[in-house]
Amino acid sequence: MPRVKGGPQTRRRRKKRLKLAKGQYGAKGKLFRTATESVDKGGVYAYIGRKRRKRDFRRLWVTRISAAVRSYGLTYSRFMNALKNVNVVLNRKVLSDMAIRDVDGFKKLADLAKATT
């Protein structure tokens, strides 16, 4: 049986890695070893970024709700606690959206929260 050489397989693997590094600056997009390091590090950053995006959006929603609630004379924590006590189950994303788009509905929630505190 003849000896199998790994040339085509190796070339395919390297081309795939270099394709992932396309757009990188300088050697990072041209040389295999630096491209590998760059792609691996980019994957780590992407993973971290996916986790961080959730955190950032929650912070944004809390800030929006807090700003909207203050105009009704409440704080964010008292508002959220009052909604919880009245069994209003709306997440922060929806509440933030209501504060922007459905001002009348949000005002009713704020009045409800004010009445319970």
Protein backbone atom coordinates (compact mmCIF):
# COMPACT_ATOMS: atom_id res chain seq x y z
CA MET A 1 0.00 0.00 0.00
CA PRO A 2 1.44 3.42 -0.95
CA ARG A 3 2.27 6.06 1.62
CA VAL A 4 -0.38 8.78 1.92
CA LYS A 5 0.90 12.32 2.03
CA GLY A 6 -1.10 15.01 3.81
CA GLY A 7 -0.49 17.92 1.39
CA PRO A 8 -4.03 18.55 0.13
CA GLN A 9 -5.53 18.15 3.61
CA THR A 10 -2.99 20.51 5.16
CA ARG A 11 -3.54 23.09 2.41
CA ARG A 12 -7.31 22.89 2.89
CA ARG A 13 -6.99 23.34 6.65
CA ARG A 14 -4.64 26.31 6.27
CA LYS A 15 -6.77 27.98 3.60
CA LYS A 16 -9.79 27.67 5.87
CA ARG A 17 -7.92 29.34 8.74
CA LEU A 18 -6.57 32.10 6.48
CA LYS A 19 -10.06 32.71 5.13
CA LEU A 20 -11.28 33.28 8.71
CA ALA A 21 -8.43 35.78 9.19
CA LYS A 22 -9.38 37.72 6.06
CA GLY A 23 -9.49 41.45 6.72
CA GLN A 24 -6.91 41.34 9.52
CA TYR A 25 -4.14 43.91 9.40
CA GLY A 26 -0.72 43.00 8.02
CA ALA A 27 0.73 39.55 8.73
CA LYS A 28 -2.31 38.51 10.75
CA GLY A 29 -4.23 38.04 7.51
CA LYS A 30 -1.38 36.54 5.46
CA LEU A 31 0.76 34.22 7.58
CA PHE A 32 -0.67 31.01 8.94
CA ARG A 33 0.70 31.07 12.46
CA THR A 34 -0.19 34.69 13.19
CA ALA A 35 -3.55 34.19 11.46
CA THR A 36 -4.26 31.22 13.73
CA GLU A 37 -3.46 33.25 16.83
CA SER A 38 -5.56 36.13 15.58
CA VAL A 39 -8.57 33.94 14.73
CA ASP A 40 -8.39 32.16 18.08
CA LYS A 41 -8.21 35.45 19.97
CA GLY A 42 -11.02 36.85 17.85
CA GLY A 43 -13.15 33.87 18.81
CA VAL A 44 -12.51 34.56 22.48
CA TYR A 45 -13.48 38.22 22.01
CA ALA A 46 -16.63 37.20 20.13
CA TYR A 47 -17.64 34.82 22.93
CA ILE A 48 -17.07 37.49 25.57
CA GLY A 49 -18.93 40.02 23.42
CA ARG A 50 -21.99 37.80 23.17
CA LYS A 51 -22.16 37.66 26.96
CA ARG A 52 -21.45 41.37 27.35
CA ARG A 53 -24.18 42.38 24.88
CA LYS A 54 -26.84 40.91 27.17
CA ARG A 55 -25.37 42.82 30.11
CA ASP A 56 -25.24 46.08 28.15
CA PHE A 57 -28.83 45.83 26.97
CA ARG A 58 -30.09 45.16 30.49
CA ARG A 59 -28.20 48.25 31.71
CA LEU A 60 -29.78 50.29 28.92
CA TRP A 61 -33.29 49.08 29.78
CA VAL A 62 -32.80 49.81 33.48
CA THR A 63 -31.54 53.32 32.67
CA ARG A 64 -34.54 54.02 30.42
CA ILE A 65 -37.04 52.73 32.97
CA SER A 66 -35.36 54.73 35.73
CA ALA A 67 -35.47 57.93 33.69
CA ALA A 68 -39.13 57.42 32.79
CA VAL A 69 -40.19 56.55 36.33
CA ARG A 70 -38.49 59.58 37.89
CA SER A 71 -40.86 61.87 36.00
CA TYR A 72 -43.69 60.26 37.99
CA GLY A 73 -41.93 60.78 41.33
CA LEU A 74 -40.69 57.22 41.86
CA THR A 75 -37.31 55.54 41.89
CA TYR A 76 -36.47 52.52 39.79
CA SER A 77 -36.16 50.14 42.73
CA ARG A 78 -39.46 51.21 44.34
CA PHE A 79 -41.20 50.96 40.96
CA MET A 80 -39.92 47.45 40.26
CA ASN A 81 -40.71 46.30 43.81
CA ALA A 82 -44.25 47.69 43.58
CA LEU A 83 -44.84 45.92 40.24
CA LYS A 84 -43.60 42.68 41.77
CA ASN A 85 -45.94 43.07 44.77
CA VAL A 86 -48.94 43.68 42.47
CA ASN A 87 -47.95 40.61 40.39
CA VAL A 88 -47.30 42.55 37.20
CA VAL A 89 -44.93 40.26 35.32
CA LEU A 90 -43.27 42.37 32.63
CA ASN A 91 -39.58 42.14 31.88
CA ARG A 92 -37.28 45.14 31.66
CA LYS A 93 -37.14 45.05 27.87
CA VAL A 94 -40.92 45.40 27.60
CA LEU A 95 -41.07 48.07 30.30
CA SER A 96 -38.34 50.05 28.55
CA ASP A 97 -40.21 49.77 25.25
CA MET A 98 -43.44 50.91 26.94
CA ALA A 99 -41.67 53.91 28.45
CA ILE A 100 -40.68 55.02 24.95
CA ARG A 101 -43.61 53.98 22.73
CA ASP A 102 -46.65 53.55 25.00
CA VAL A 103 -46.44 56.46 27.41
CA ASP A 104 -50.08 56.19 28.53
CA GLY A 105 -49.72 52.50 29.41
CA PHE A 106 -46.49 53.19 31.27
CA LYS A 107 -48.18 56.03 33.18
CA LYS A 108 -50.89 53.59 34.33
CA LEU A 109 -48.20 51.22 35.58
CA ALA A 110 -46.46 54.08 37.38
CA ASP A 111 -49.75 55.16 38.99
CA LEU A 112 -50.40 51.56 40.04
CA ALA A 113 -46.93 51.34 41.54
CA LYS A 114 -47.39 54.67 43.33
CA ALA A 115 -50.67 53.51 44.84
CA THR A 116 -49.10 50.37 46.30
CA THR A 117 -46.08 52.09 47.89
